[in-house]
Amino acid sequence: MAGDVPSTAGFPIVDPDLESRVRTRLTEVEKELAAAAASEFDVIDEASHHLLQAGGKRFRPLLCLLAAEFGDADAPGVVPAALVVELTHLATLYHDDVMDEAELRRGAPSANARWDNSIAILTGDYLFAQASEIVAGLGPQAVRIQAQTFARLVQGQIRETIGPRADEDALAHYLSVVADKTGSLIATSARFGAMLAGVPVDVEETLTAFGEQIGTAFQLSDDIIDVASDSGDLGKASGTDLREGVATLPTLFALQSRDASDARLRELLSSPISDERLRSEALALLRSNPAMGLARAEVERRTQAARALLCSLPENPARTALTSLCDLVTTRTS
């Protein structure tokens, strides 16, 4: 059985009718996820259900469903579109864990740790294939959008793997990585919901821009939480990016510091930190560093930009719910 269906991905939908509709559709998405993850090969079937059983926010399907509320939310393509974006997201998690050599995901052993890298990669590929088959039934435009989104996901991973060019600002490079790896699929989640519900083009464009902005902010808030929270709270090892030498928003701000008191922290952050003792030292120094405040301010700036986009949308319960999402992304880092 798949993980429990989250009612609102952690934030309240105050309108009872909207909440009821969203719960019903998320339940349908959850059932379809379990069916789509099924495989005739036992090991792939078990591995593909592994993360589903661990649960998850279902943030992308929820955004797809809320965007559809600005049009015909009962249109037949809306739930399949929500399924497509979540399958795509799940597939990227399997691949990301291989590249990061992660040991935990959602509080459970990662697929690559429980099985091996080959099984994890094949499972991710299988879920991508399932998403592709479903999106093919949504029409040529949906296929084109999915292909463009997939290209951005891969481009973001390439950017992250290669790193910034010698003449490129490291922070700007990182923000482009986040926009591609996270913002793109969340933008597509909102776009699919809006497009398949038949909303006007200007509303679709606004919801797409909102998705990109709030998606990027959501990932940046995760960067902060990864530093600020303990492994037990995260459901995965904290400081994973420090171990791999991947700079994130707080570490990039810390590396920009020219304060003499930050010399030790900059030294630790200058290379991957494989030693657990040194990683704990770096986390402790980073948690008390002004870089964390700068990172939180960047998240706040982006959530404010997302909130401003919502002002042009028709006023309805879905808009209120999306506004509360902006509040959640801001407060979850404090």
C-alpha atoms as a PDB file:
ATOM      1  CA  MET A   1       0.000   0.000   0.000  1.00  0.00           C
ATOM      2  CA  ALA A   2       1.277   3.491  -0.775  1.00  0.00           C
ATOM      3  CA  GLY A   3       2.080   6.040   1.899  1.00  0.00           C
ATOM      4  CA  ASP A   4      -0.673   7.973   3.621  1.00  0.00           C
ATOM      5  CA  VAL A   5      -2.158  10.760   1.526  1.00  0.00           C
ATOM      6  CA  PRO A   6      -1.204  14.128   3.005  1.00  0.00           C
ATOM      7  CA  SER A   7      -4.211  16.409   3.160  1.00  0.00           C
ATOM      8  CA  THR A   8      -2.418  19.599   2.180  1.00  0.00           C
ATOM      9  CA  ALA A   9       1.336  18.896   2.057  1.00  0.00           C
ATOM     10  CA  GLY A  10       1.672  20.493   5.474  1.00  0.00           C
ATOM     11  CA  PHE A  11      -0.306  23.695   5.035  1.00  0.00           C
ATOM     12  CA  PRO A  12      -3.994  24.376   5.701  1.00  0.00           C
ATOM     13  CA  ILE A  13      -6.698  24.639   3.077  1.00  0.00           C
ATOM     14  CA  VAL A  14      -9.279  26.639   5.001  1.00  0.00           C
ATOM     15  CA  ASP A  15     -12.158  26.165   2.573  1.00  0.00           C
ATOM     16  CA  PRO A  16     -13.859  22.841   3.466  1.00  0.00           C
ATOM     17  CA  ASP A  17     -15.246  22.212  -0.036  1.00  0.00           C
ATOM     18  CA  LEU A  18     -11.843  22.774  -1.633  1.00  0.00           C
ATOM     19  CA  GLU A  19     -10.154  20.579   0.938  1.00  0.00           C
ATOM     20  CA  SER A  20     -12.656  17.788   0.289  1.00  0.00           C
ATOM     21  CA  ARG A  21     -12.106  17.967  -3.477  1.00  0.00           C
ATOM     22  CA  VAL A  22      -8.333  18.011  -3.073  1.00  0.00           C
ATOM     23  CA  ARG A  23      -8.342  15.080  -0.647  1.00  0.00           C
ATOM     24  CA  THR A  24     -10.469  13.021  -3.025  1.00  0.00           C
ATOM     25  CA  ARG A  25      -8.219  13.724  -5.991  1.00  0.00           C
ATOM     26  CA  LEU A  26      -5.013  13.138  -4.015  1.00  0.00           C
ATOM     27  CA  THR A  27      -6.400   9.769  -2.965  1.00  0.00           C
ATOM     28  CA  GLU A  28      -6.978   8.972  -6.625  1.00  0.00           C
ATOM     29  CA  VAL A  29      -3.461  10.104  -7.490  1.00  0.00           C
ATOM     30  CA  GLU A  30      -2.071   7.893  -4.736  1.00  0.00           C
ATOM     31  CA  LYS A  31      -3.882   4.820  -6.050  1.00  0.00           C
ATOM     32  CA  GLU A  32      -2.692   5.538  -9.587  1.00  0.00           C
ATOM     33  CA  LEU A  33       0.874   5.996  -8.350  1.00  0.00           C
ATOM     34  CA  ALA A  34       0.854   2.532  -6.822  1.00  0.00           C
ATOM     35  CA  ALA A  35      -0.475   1.073 -10.076  1.00  0.00           C
ATOM     36  CA  ALA A  36       2.021   2.951 -12.249  1.00  0.00           C
ATOM     37  CA  ALA A  37       4.937   1.814 -10.081  1.00  0.00           C
ATOM     38  CA  ALA A  38       4.030  -1.861 -10.517  1.00  0.00           C
ATOM     39  CA  SER A  39       6.411  -3.993 -12.592  1.00  0.00           C
ATOM     40  CA  GLU A  40       6.544  -7.603 -13.745  1.00  0.00           C
ATOM     41  CA  PHE A  41      10.107  -7.745 -12.389  1.00  0.00           C
ATOM     42  CA  ASP A  42       9.917  -8.340  -8.652  1.00  0.00           C
ATOM     43  CA  VAL A  43      13.021  -6.349  -7.717  1.00  0.00           C
ATOM     44  CA  ILE A  44      11.907  -3.289  -9.735  1.00  0.00           C
ATOM     45  CA  ASP A  45       8.376  -3.614  -8.376  1.00  0.00           C
ATOM     46  CA  GLU A  46       9.704  -3.671  -4.812  1.00  0.00           C
ATOM     47  CA  ALA A  47      12.198  -0.871  -5.412  1.00  0.00           C
ATOM     48  CA  SER A  48       9.692   1.374  -7.223  1.00  0.00           C
ATOM     49  CA  HIS A  49       7.222   1.093  -4.337  1.00  0.00           C
ATOM     50  CA  HIS A  50       9.976   1.709  -1.811  1.00  0.00           C
ATOM     51  CA  LEU A  51       9.666   5.504  -1.751  1.00  0.00           C
ATOM     52  CA  LEU A  52       5.890   5.408  -2.157  1.00  0.00           C
ATOM     53  CA  GLN A  53       5.629   3.409   1.056  1.00  0.00           C
ATOM     54  CA  ALA A  54       7.873   5.945   2.785  1.00  0.00           C
ATOM     55  CA  GLY A  55       5.290   8.654   2.069  1.00  0.00           C
ATOM     56  CA  GLY A  56       6.081  12.173   0.890  1.00  0.00           C
ATOM     57  CA  LYS A  57       4.527  15.605   0.678  1.00  0.00           C
ATOM     58  CA  ARG A  58       2.937  15.092  -2.779  1.00  0.00           C
ATOM     59  CA  PHE A  59       3.626  18.785  -3.185  1.00  0.00           C
ATOM     60  CA  ARG A  60       3.701  18.698  -6.986  1.00  0.00           C
ATOM     61  CA  PRO A  61       0.377  16.865  -7.451  1.00  0.00           C
ATOM     62  CA  LEU A  62      -1.204  19.193  -4.909  1.00  0.00           C
ATOM     63  CA  LEU A  63      -0.022  22.255  -6.817  1.00  0.00           C
ATOM     64  CA  CYS A  64      -1.328  20.744 -10.051  1.00  0.00           C
ATOM     65  CA  LEU A  65      -4.748  20.189  -8.461  1.00  0.00           C
ATOM     66  CA  LEU A  66      -4.885  23.679  -6.950  1.00  0.00           C
ATOM     67  CA  ALA A  67      -3.936  25.299 -10.271  1.00  0.00           C
ATOM     68  CA  ALA A  68      -6.789  23.400 -11.916  1.00  0.00           C
ATOM     69  CA  GLU A  69      -9.209  25.105  -9.528  1.00  0.00           C
ATOM     70  CA  PHE A  70      -8.899  28.260 -11.661  1.00  0.00           C
ATOM     71  CA  GLY A  71     -10.640  26.387 -14.485  1.00  0.00           C
ATOM     72  CA  ASP A  72     -12.496  23.099 -14.838  1.00  0.00           C
ATOM     73  CA  ALA A  73     -10.942  21.160 -11.960  1.00  0.00           C
ATOM     74  CA  ASP A  74     -12.913  18.045 -12.965  1.00  0.00           C
ATOM     75  CA  ALA A  75     -11.421  17.943 -16.467  1.00  0.00           C
ATOM     76  CA  PRO A  76     -10.286  14.395 -17.290  1.00  0.00           C
ATOM     77  CA  GLY A  77      -6.596  15.249 -17.768  1.00  0.00           C
ATOM     78  CA  VAL A  78      -6.000  16.897 -14.392  1.00  0.00           C
ATOM     79  CA  VAL A  79      -5.440  13.803 -12.229  1.00  0.00           C
ATOM     80  CA  PRO A  80      -3.246  12.065 -14.859  1.00  0.00           C
ATOM     81  CA  ALA A  81      -1.177  15.259 -15.074  1.00  0.00           C
ATOM     82  CA  ALA A  82      -0.738  15.231 -11.290  1.00  0.00           C
ATOM     83  CA  LEU A  83       0.375  11.627 -11.591  1.00  0.00           C
ATOM     84  CA  VAL A  84       2.914  12.497 -14.292  1.00  0.00           C
ATOM     85  CA  VAL A  85       4.655  15.180 -12.245  1.00  0.00           C
ATOM     86  CA  GLU A  86       4.887  12.992  -9.139  1.00  0.00           C
ATOM     87  CA  LEU A  87       6.238  10.009 -11.078  1.00  0.00           C
ATOM     88  CA  THR A  88       8.813  12.303 -12.661  1.00  0.00           C
ATOM     89  CA  HIS A  89       9.771  13.674  -9.255  1.00  0.00           C
ATOM     90  CA  LEU A  90      10.084  10.180  -7.754  1.00  0.00           C
ATOM     91  CA  ALA A  91      12.281   9.089 -10.656  1.00  0.00           C
ATOM     92  CA  THR A  92      14.676  11.978 -10.050  1.00  0.00           C
ATOM     93  CA  LEU A  93      14.995  10.992  -6.367  1.00  0.00           C
ATOM     94  CA  TYR A  94      16.316   7.545  -7.276  1.00  0.00           C
ATOM     95  CA  HIS A  95      18.885   9.059  -9.612  1.00  0.00           C
ATOM     96  CA  ASP A  96      19.828  11.837  -7.184  1.00  0.00           C
ATOM     97  CA  ASP A  97      20.496   9.329  -4.400  1.00  0.00           C
ATOM     98  CA  VAL A  98      22.891   7.428  -6.643  1.00  0.00           C
ATOM     99  CA  MET A  99      24.796  10.574  -7.549  1.00  0.00           C
ATOM    100  CA  ASP A 100      24.849  11.774  -3.930  1.00  0.00           C
ATOM    101  CA  GLU A 101      25.647   8.292  -2.558  1.00  0.00           C
ATOM    102  CA  ALA A 102      22.798   8.945  -0.128  1.00  0.00           C
ATOM    103  CA  GLU A 103      22.013   6.361   2.535  1.00  0.00           C
ATOM    104  CA  LEU A 104      18.618   7.658   3.659  1.00  0.00           C
ATOM    105  CA  ARG A 105      15.559   9.007   1.902  1.00  0.00           C
ATOM    106  CA  ARG A 106      12.330   9.904   3.736  1.00  0.00           C
ATOM    107  CA  GLY A 107      13.602   8.184   6.871  1.00  0.00           C
ATOM    108  CA  ALA A 108      14.218   4.849   5.134  1.00  0.00           C
ATOM    109  CA  PRO A 109      17.317   3.358   3.472  1.00  0.00           C
ATOM    110  CA  SER A 110      17.677   4.772  -0.044  1.00  0.00           C
ATOM    111  CA  ALA A 111      17.164   2.354  -2.933  1.00  0.00           C
ATOM    112  CA  ASN A 112      20.848   2.387  -3.795  1.00  0.00           C
ATOM    113  CA  ALA A 113      21.715   1.551  -0.196  1.00  0.00           C
ATOM    114  CA  ARG A 114      19.094  -1.188   0.122  1.00  0.00           C
ATOM    115  CA  TRP A 115      19.799  -2.717  -3.284  1.00  0.00           C
ATOM    116  CA  ASP A 116      22.567  -1.178  -5.410  1.00  0.00           C
ATOM    117  CA  ASN A 117      23.178   1.656  -7.843  1.00  0.00           C
ATOM    118  CA  SER A 118      22.108  -0.352 -10.884  1.00  0.00           C
ATOM    119  CA  ILE A 119      18.703  -1.194  -9.414  1.00  0.00           C
ATOM    120  CA  ALA A 120      18.199   2.410  -8.265  1.00  0.00           C
ATOM    121  CA  ILE A 121      19.039   3.776 -11.725  1.00  0.00           C
ATOM    122  CA  LEU A 122      16.819   1.245 -13.486  1.00  0.00           C
ATOM    123  CA  THR A 123      13.965   2.035 -11.101  1.00  0.00           C
ATOM    124  CA  GLY A 124      14.273   5.724 -11.855  1.00  0.00           C
ATOM    125  CA  ASP A 125      14.331   4.985 -15.576  1.00  0.00           C
ATOM    126  CA  TYR A 126      11.235   2.816 -15.224  1.00  0.00           C
ATOM    127  CA  LEU A 127       9.301   5.571 -13.450  1.00  0.00           C
ATOM    128  CA  PHE A 128      10.352   8.081 -16.109  1.00  0.00           C
ATOM    129  CA  ALA A 129       9.049   5.673 -18.754  1.00  0.00           C
ATOM    130  CA  GLN A 130       5.733   5.287 -16.925  1.00  0.00           C
ATOM    131  CA  ALA A 131       5.362   9.067 -16.727  1.00  0.00           C
ATOM    132  CA  SER A 132       6.093   9.347 -20.454  1.00  0.00           C
ATOM    133  CA  GLU A 133       3.387   6.821 -21.339  1.00  0.00           C
ATOM    134  CA  ILE A 134       0.793   8.665 -19.264  1.00  0.00           C
ATOM    135  CA  VAL A 135       1.689  12.117 -20.585  1.00  0.00           C
ATOM    136  CA  ALA A 136       1.354  10.826 -24.149  1.00  0.00           C
ATOM    137  CA  GLY A 137      -2.383  10.545 -23.488  1.00  0.00           C
ATOM    138  CA  LEU A 138      -2.589  14.230 -22.578  1.00  0.00           C
ATOM    139  CA  GLY A 139      -1.777  15.518 -26.053  1.00  0.00           C
ATOM    140  CA  PRO A 140       1.217  16.853 -28.034  1.00  0.00           C
ATOM    141  CA  GLN A 141       1.509  20.091 -26.049  1.00  0.00           C
ATOM    142  CA  ALA A 142       1.758  18.193 -22.747  1.00  0.00           C
ATOM    143  CA  VAL A 143       4.385  15.891 -24.266  1.00  0.00           C
ATOM    144  CA  ARG A 144       6.363  18.911 -25.444  1.00  0.00           C
ATOM    145  CA  ILE A 145       6.205  20.547 -22.003  1.00  0.00           C
ATOM    146  CA  GLN A 146       7.267  17.318 -20.313  1.00  0.00           C
ATOM    147  CA  ALA A 147      10.215  16.960 -22.699  1.00  0.00           C
ATOM    148  CA  GLN A 148      11.297  20.549 -22.067  1.00  0.00           C
ATOM    149  CA  THR A 149      10.994  20.017 -18.325  1.00  0.00           C
ATOM    150  CA  PHE A 150      13.032  16.827 -18.487  1.00  0.00           C
ATOM    151  CA  ALA A 151      15.712  18.695 -20.451  1.00  0.00           C
ATOM    152  CA  ARG A 152      15.884  21.313 -17.691  1.00  0.00           C
ATOM    153  CA  LEU A 153      16.101  18.644 -14.993  1.00  0.00           C
ATOM    154  CA  VAL A 154      19.073  17.066 -16.749  1.00  0.00           C
ATOM    155  CA  GLN A 155      20.616  20.449 -17.513  1.00  0.00           C
ATOM    156  CA  GLY A 156      20.426  21.367 -13.842  1.00  0.00           C
ATOM    157  CA  GLN A 157      22.158  18.144 -12.850  1.00  0.00           C
ATOM    158  CA  ILE A 158      24.867  18.745 -15.451  1.00  0.00           C
ATOM    159  CA  ARG A 159      25.399  22.285 -14.152  1.00  0.00           C
ATOM    160  CA  GLU A 160      25.644  21.010 -10.590  1.00  0.00           C
ATOM    161  CA  THR A 161      28.069  18.217 -11.538  1.00  0.00           C
ATOM    162  CA  ILE A 162      30.371  20.394 -13.633  1.00  0.00           C
ATOM    163  CA  GLY A 163      30.227  23.420 -11.350  1.00  0.00           C
ATOM    164  CA  PRO A 164      30.478  27.107 -12.230  1.00  0.00           C
ATOM    165  CA  ARG A 165      32.847  28.356 -14.910  1.00  0.00           C
ATOM    166  CA  ALA A 166      35.919  30.256 -13.787  1.00  0.00           C
ATOM    167  CA  ASP A 167      34.293  33.578 -14.719  1.00  0.00           C
ATOM    168  CA  GLU A 168      30.847  32.687 -13.343  1.00  0.00           C
ATOM    169  CA  ASP A 169      29.466  33.878 -10.019  1.00  0.00           C
ATOM    170  CA  ALA A 170      29.039  30.814  -7.800  1.00  0.00           C
ATOM    171  CA  LEU A 171      25.794  32.026  -6.243  1.00  0.00           C
ATOM    172  CA  ALA A 172      24.208  32.860  -9.604  1.00  0.00           C
ATOM    173  CA  HIS A 173      25.298  29.463 -10.903  1.00  0.00           C
ATOM    174  CA  TYR A 174      23.728  27.718  -7.935  1.00  0.00           C
ATOM    175  CA  LEU A 175      20.438  29.562  -8.292  1.00  0.00           C
ATOM    176  CA  SER A 176      20.303  28.487 -11.950  1.00  0.00           C
ATOM    177  CA  VAL A 177      20.852  24.881 -10.821  1.00  0.00           C
ATOM    178  CA  VAL A 178      17.967  25.119  -8.350  1.00  0.00           C
ATOM    179  CA  ALA A 179      15.693  26.713 -10.945  1.00  0.00           C
ATOM    180  CA  ASP A 180      16.370  23.845 -13.359  1.00  0.00           C
ATOM    181  CA  LYS A 181      16.466  20.922 -10.920  1.00  0.00           C
ATOM    182  CA  THR A 182      13.524  21.947  -8.732  1.00  0.00           C
ATOM    183  CA  GLY A 183      11.738  25.046 -10.006  1.00  0.00           C
ATOM    184  CA  SER A 184      11.157  23.638 -13.500  1.00  0.00           C
ATOM    185  CA  LEU A 185       9.099  20.611 -12.441  1.00  0.00           C
ATOM    186  CA  ILE A 186       7.077  22.573  -9.896  1.00  0.00           C
ATOM    187  CA  ALA A 187       6.368  25.187 -12.568  1.00  0.00           C
ATOM    188  CA  THR A 188       5.223  22.385 -14.869  1.00  0.00           C
ATOM    189  CA  SER A 189       2.995  21.013 -12.105  1.00  0.00           C
ATOM    190  CA  ALA A 190       1.109  24.305 -11.966  1.00  0.00           C
ATOM    191  CA  ARG A 191       1.133  24.668 -15.746  1.00  0.00           C
ATOM    192  CA  PHE A 192      -0.284  21.203 -16.351  1.00  0.00           C
ATOM    193  CA  GLY A 193      -3.094  21.743 -13.853  1.00  0.00           C
ATOM    194  CA  ALA A 194      -3.999  25.094 -15.354  1.00  0.00           C
ATOM    195  CA  MET A 195      -3.654  24.031 -18.991  1.00  0.00           C
ATOM    196  CA  LEU A 196      -5.660  20.829 -18.658  1.00  0.00           C
ATOM    197  CA  ALA A 197      -8.367  22.652 -16.713  1.00  0.00           C
ATOM    198  CA  GLY A 198      -8.699  25.077 -19.619  1.00  0.00           C
ATOM    199  CA  VAL A 199      -7.822  28.307 -17.828  1.00  0.00           C
ATOM    200  CA  PRO A 200      -7.123  31.490 -19.855  1.00  0.00           C
ATOM    201  CA  VAL A 201      -3.563  31.771 -21.180  1.00  0.00           C
ATOM    202  CA  ASP A 202      -2.656  34.703 -18.933  1.00  0.00           C
ATOM    203  CA  VAL A 203      -3.742  32.766 -15.831  1.00  0.00           C
ATOM    204  CA  GLU A 204      -1.775  29.717 -16.985  1.00  0.00           C
ATOM    205  CA  GLU A 205       1.333  31.859 -17.461  1.00  0.00           C
ATOM    206  CA  THR A 206       0.947  33.450 -14.035  1.00  0.00           C
ATOM    207  CA  LEU A 207       0.496  30.087 -12.325  1.00  0.00           C
ATOM    208  CA  THR A 208       3.539  28.721 -14.175  1.00  0.00           C
ATOM    209  CA  ALA A 209       5.658  31.674 -13.028  1.00  0.00           C
ATOM    210  CA  PHE A 210       4.334  31.214  -9.502  1.00  0.00           C
ATOM    211  CA  GLY A 211       5.322  27.545  -9.577  1.00  0.00           C
ATOM    212  CA  GLU A 212       8.873  28.354 -10.665  1.00  0.00           C
ATOM    213  CA  GLN A 213       9.250  31.020  -7.997  1.00  0.00           C
ATOM    214  CA  ILE A 214       7.759  29.059  -5.100  1.00  0.00           C
ATOM    215  CA  GLY A 215       9.513  25.871  -6.225  1.00  0.00           C
ATOM    216  CA  THR A 216      12.890  27.559  -6.142  1.00  0.00           C
ATOM    217  CA  ALA A 217      12.096  29.083  -2.754  1.00  0.00           C
ATOM    218  CA  PHE A 218      11.013  25.679  -1.453  1.00  0.00           C
ATOM    219  CA  GLN A 219      14.353  24.120  -2.414  1.00  0.00           C
ATOM    220  CA  LEU A 220      16.304  27.019  -0.933  1.00  0.00           C
ATOM    221  CA  SER A 221      14.360  26.568   2.301  1.00  0.00           C
ATOM    222  CA  ASP A 222      15.341  22.888   2.211  1.00  0.00           C
ATOM    223  CA  ASP A 223      18.983  24.024   2.004  1.00  0.00           C
ATOM    224  CA  ILE A 224      18.508  25.927   5.248  1.00  0.00           C
ATOM    225  CA  ILE A 225      16.687  23.072   6.946  1.00  0.00           C
ATOM    226  CA  ASP A 226      19.419  20.617   5.903  1.00  0.00           C
ATOM    227  CA  VAL A 227      21.889  22.689   7.900  1.00  0.00           C
ATOM    228  CA  ALA A 228      19.639  23.725  10.774  1.00  0.00           C
ATOM    229  CA  SER A 229      17.949  20.386  11.529  1.00  0.00           C
ATOM    230  CA  ASP A 230      19.248  17.121  12.918  1.00  0.00           C
ATOM    231  CA  SER A 231      19.214  13.933  10.850  1.00  0.00           C
ATOM    232  CA  GLY A 232      16.386  12.496  12.942  1.00  0.00           C
ATOM    233  CA  ASP A 233      14.143  15.426  12.071  1.00  0.00           C
ATOM    234  CA  LEU A 234      15.001  15.338   8.381  1.00  0.00           C
ATOM    235  CA  GLY A 235      14.515  11.637   7.715  1.00  0.00           C
ATOM    236  CA  LYS A 236      17.890  11.684   5.970  1.00  0.00           C
ATOM    237  CA  ALA A 237      21.441  12.551   6.917  1.00  0.00           C
ATOM    238  CA  SER A 238      21.973  16.261   7.548  1.00  0.00           C
ATOM    239  CA  GLY A 239      24.957  17.895   5.907  1.00  0.00           C
ATOM    240  CA  THR A 240      24.908  15.541   2.912  1.00  0.00           C
ATOM    241  CA  ASP A 241      25.911  18.360   0.575  1.00  0.00           C
ATOM    242  CA  LEU A 242      28.816  19.243   2.866  1.00  0.00           C
ATOM    243  CA  ARG A 243      30.063  15.680   2.585  1.00  0.00           C
ATOM    244  CA  GLU A 244      29.878  15.845  -1.208  1.00  0.00           C
ATOM    245  CA  GLY A 245      31.331  19.347  -1.417  1.00  0.00           C
ATOM    246  CA  VAL A 246      28.147  20.679  -3.067  1.00  0.00           C
ATOM    247  CA  ALA A 247      27.675  24.326  -2.164  1.00  0.00           C
ATOM    248  CA  THR A 248      24.140  25.354  -1.225  1.00  0.00           C
ATOM    249  CA  LEU A 249      22.651  28.725  -0.347  1.00  0.00           C
ATOM    250  CA  PRO A 250      23.953  29.028   3.258  1.00  0.00           C
ATOM    251  CA  THR A 251      27.419  27.729   2.371  1.00  0.00           C
ATOM    252  CA  LEU A 252      27.730  30.073  -0.596  1.00  0.00           C
ATOM    253  CA  PHE A 253      26.908  33.065   1.587  1.00  0.00           C
ATOM    254  CA  ALA A 254      29.428  31.847   4.173  1.00  0.00           C
ATOM    255  CA  LEU A 255      32.118  31.472   1.518  1.00  0.00           C
ATOM    256  CA  GLN A 256      31.508  35.066   0.417  1.00  0.00           C
ATOM    257  CA  SER A 257      32.321  36.323   3.922  1.00  0.00           C
ATOM    258  CA  ARG A 258      35.614  38.146   4.421  1.00  0.00           C
ATOM    259  CA  ASP A 259      35.247  38.266   8.199  1.00  0.00           C
ATOM    260  CA  ALA A 260      38.401  36.924   9.862  1.00  0.00           C
ATOM    261  CA  SER A 261      36.295  35.009  12.376  1.00  0.00           C
ATOM    262  CA  ASP A 262      34.861  32.947   9.522  1.00  0.00           C
ATOM    263  CA  ALA A 263      38.262  31.711   8.361  1.00  0.00           C
ATOM    264  CA  ARG A 264      37.870  28.264   9.907  1.00  0.00           C
ATOM    265  CA  LEU A 265      34.410  27.804   8.404  1.00  0.00           C
ATOM    266  CA  ARG A 266      35.606  28.881   4.955  1.00  0.00           C
ATOM    267  CA  GLU A 267      38.484  26.429   5.257  1.00  0.00           C
ATOM    268  CA  LEU A 268      36.123  23.566   6.077  1.00  0.00           C
ATOM    269  CA  LEU A 269      33.728  24.491   3.275  1.00  0.00           C
ATOM    270  CA  SER A 270      36.462  24.725   0.640  1.00  0.00           C
ATOM    271  CA  SER A 271      36.366  20.970  -0.075  1.00  0.00           C
ATOM    272  CA  PRO A 272      34.166  17.901   0.529  1.00  0.00           C
ATOM    273  CA  ILE A 273      33.955  16.990   4.225  1.00  0.00           C
ATOM    274  CA  SER A 274      34.014  13.202   4.439  1.00  0.00           C
ATOM    275  CA  ASP A 275      35.149  13.098   8.069  1.00  0.00           C
ATOM    276  CA  GLU A 276      32.103  13.016  10.341  1.00  0.00           C
ATOM    277  CA  ARG A 277      33.805  14.989  13.115  1.00  0.00           C
ATOM    278  CA  LEU A 278      34.813  17.790  10.750  1.00  0.00           C
ATOM    279  CA  ARG A 279      31.352  17.800   9.200  1.00  0.00           C
ATOM    280  CA  SER A 280      29.791  18.232  12.642  1.00  0.00           C
ATOM    281  CA  GLU A 281      32.158  21.127  13.300  1.00  0.00           C
ATOM    282  CA  ALA A 282      31.225  22.779  10.012  1.00  0.00           C
ATOM    283  CA  LEU A 283      27.506  22.371  10.714  1.00  0.00           C
ATOM    284  CA  ALA A 284      27.877  23.921  14.157  1.00  0.00           C
ATOM    285  CA  LEU A 285      29.798  26.899  12.780  1.00  0.00           C
ATOM    286  CA  LEU A 286      27.382  27.370   9.892  1.00  0.00           C
ATOM    287  CA  ARG A 287      24.306  27.234  12.117  1.00  0.00           C
ATOM    288  CA  SER A 288      25.539  30.231  14.110  1.00  0.00           C
ATOM    289  CA  ASN A 289      26.837  32.166  11.098  1.00  0.00           C
ATOM    290  CA  PRO A 290      25.148  35.280   9.606  1.00  0.00           C
ATOM    291  CA  ALA A 291      25.005  33.326   6.339  1.00  0.00           C
ATOM    292  CA  MET A 292      21.895  31.586   7.666  1.00  0.00           C
ATOM    293  CA  GLY A 293      20.127  34.936   8.050  1.00  0.00           C
ATOM    294  CA  LEU A 294      21.124  35.940   4.523  1.00  0.00           C
ATOM    295  CA  ALA A 295      19.782  32.634   3.204  1.00  0.00           C
ATOM    296  CA  ARG A 296      16.480  33.106   5.020  1.00  0.00           C
ATOM    297  CA  ALA A 297      16.224  36.618   3.570  1.00  0.00           C
ATOM    298  CA  GLU A 298      16.654  35.211   0.060  1.00  0.00           C
ATOM    299  CA  VAL A 299      13.859  32.708   0.661  1.00  0.00           C
ATOM    300  CA  GLU A 300      11.648  35.519   1.971  1.00  0.00           C
ATOM    301  CA  ARG A 301      12.390  37.625  -1.106  1.00  0.00           C
ATOM    302  CA  ARG A 302      11.321  34.824  -3.408  1.00  0.00           C
ATOM    303  CA  THR A 303       8.171  33.965  -1.500  1.00  0.00           C
ATOM    304  CA  GLN A 304       7.208  37.640  -1.606  1.00  0.00           C
ATOM    305  CA  ALA A 305       7.682  37.589  -5.388  1.00  0.00           C
ATOM    306  CA  ALA A 306       5.505  34.461  -5.604  1.00  0.00           C
ATOM    307  CA  ARG A 307       2.853  36.073  -3.416  1.00  0.00           C
ATOM    308  CA  ALA A 308       2.830  39.157  -5.647  1.00  0.00           C
ATOM    309  CA  LEU A 309       2.081  36.994  -8.690  1.00  0.00           C
ATOM    310  CA  LEU A 310      -1.006  35.621  -6.995  1.00  0.00           C
ATOM    311  CA  CYS A 311      -2.509  39.095  -6.695  1.00  0.00           C
ATOM    312  CA  SER A 312      -3.360  39.107 -10.409  1.00  0.00           C
ATOM    313  CA  LEU A 313      -5.281  35.826 -10.228  1.00  0.00           C
ATOM    314  CA  PRO A 314      -9.038  35.536  -9.735  1.00  0.00           C
ATOM    315  CA  GLU A 315      -9.876  35.514  -6.051  1.00  0.00           C
ATOM    316  CA  ASN A 316     -11.017  32.058  -4.960  1.00  0.00           C
ATOM    317  CA  PRO A 317     -10.219  29.465  -2.243  1.00  0.00           C
ATOM    318  CA  ALA A 318      -7.355  28.031  -4.312  1.00  0.00           C
ATOM    319  CA  ARG A 319      -5.643  31.419  -4.388  1.00  0.00           C
ATOM    320  CA  THR A 320      -5.995  31.621  -0.610  1.00  0.00           C
ATOM    321  CA  ALA A 321      -4.417  28.155  -0.323  1.00  0.00           C
ATOM    322  CA  LEU A 322      -1.511  29.147  -2.568  1.00  0.00           C
ATOM    323  CA  THR A 323      -0.964  32.260  -0.473  1.00  0.00           C
ATOM    324  CA  SER A 324      -0.750  30.083   2.628  1.00  0.00           C
ATOM    325  CA  LEU A 325       1.882  28.025   0.815  1.00  0.00           C
ATOM    326  CA  CYS A 326       4.013  31.157   0.524  1.00  0.00           C
ATOM    327  CA  ASP A 327       3.639  31.647   4.272  1.00  0.00           C
ATOM    328  CA  LEU A 328       4.630  28.029   4.924  1.00  0.00           C
ATOM    329  CA  VAL A 329       7.796  28.194   2.827  1.00  0.00           C
ATOM    330  CA  THR A 330       8.873  31.297   4.718  1.00  0.00           C
ATOM    331  CA  THR A 331       8.101  30.055   8.228  1.00  0.00           C
ATOM    332  CA  ARG A 332       9.504  26.507   7.823  1.00  0.00           C
ATOM    333  CA  THR A 333      13.056  27.944   7.873  1.00  0.00           C
ATOM    334  CA  SER A 334      12.666  29.956  11.066  1.00  0.00           C
END
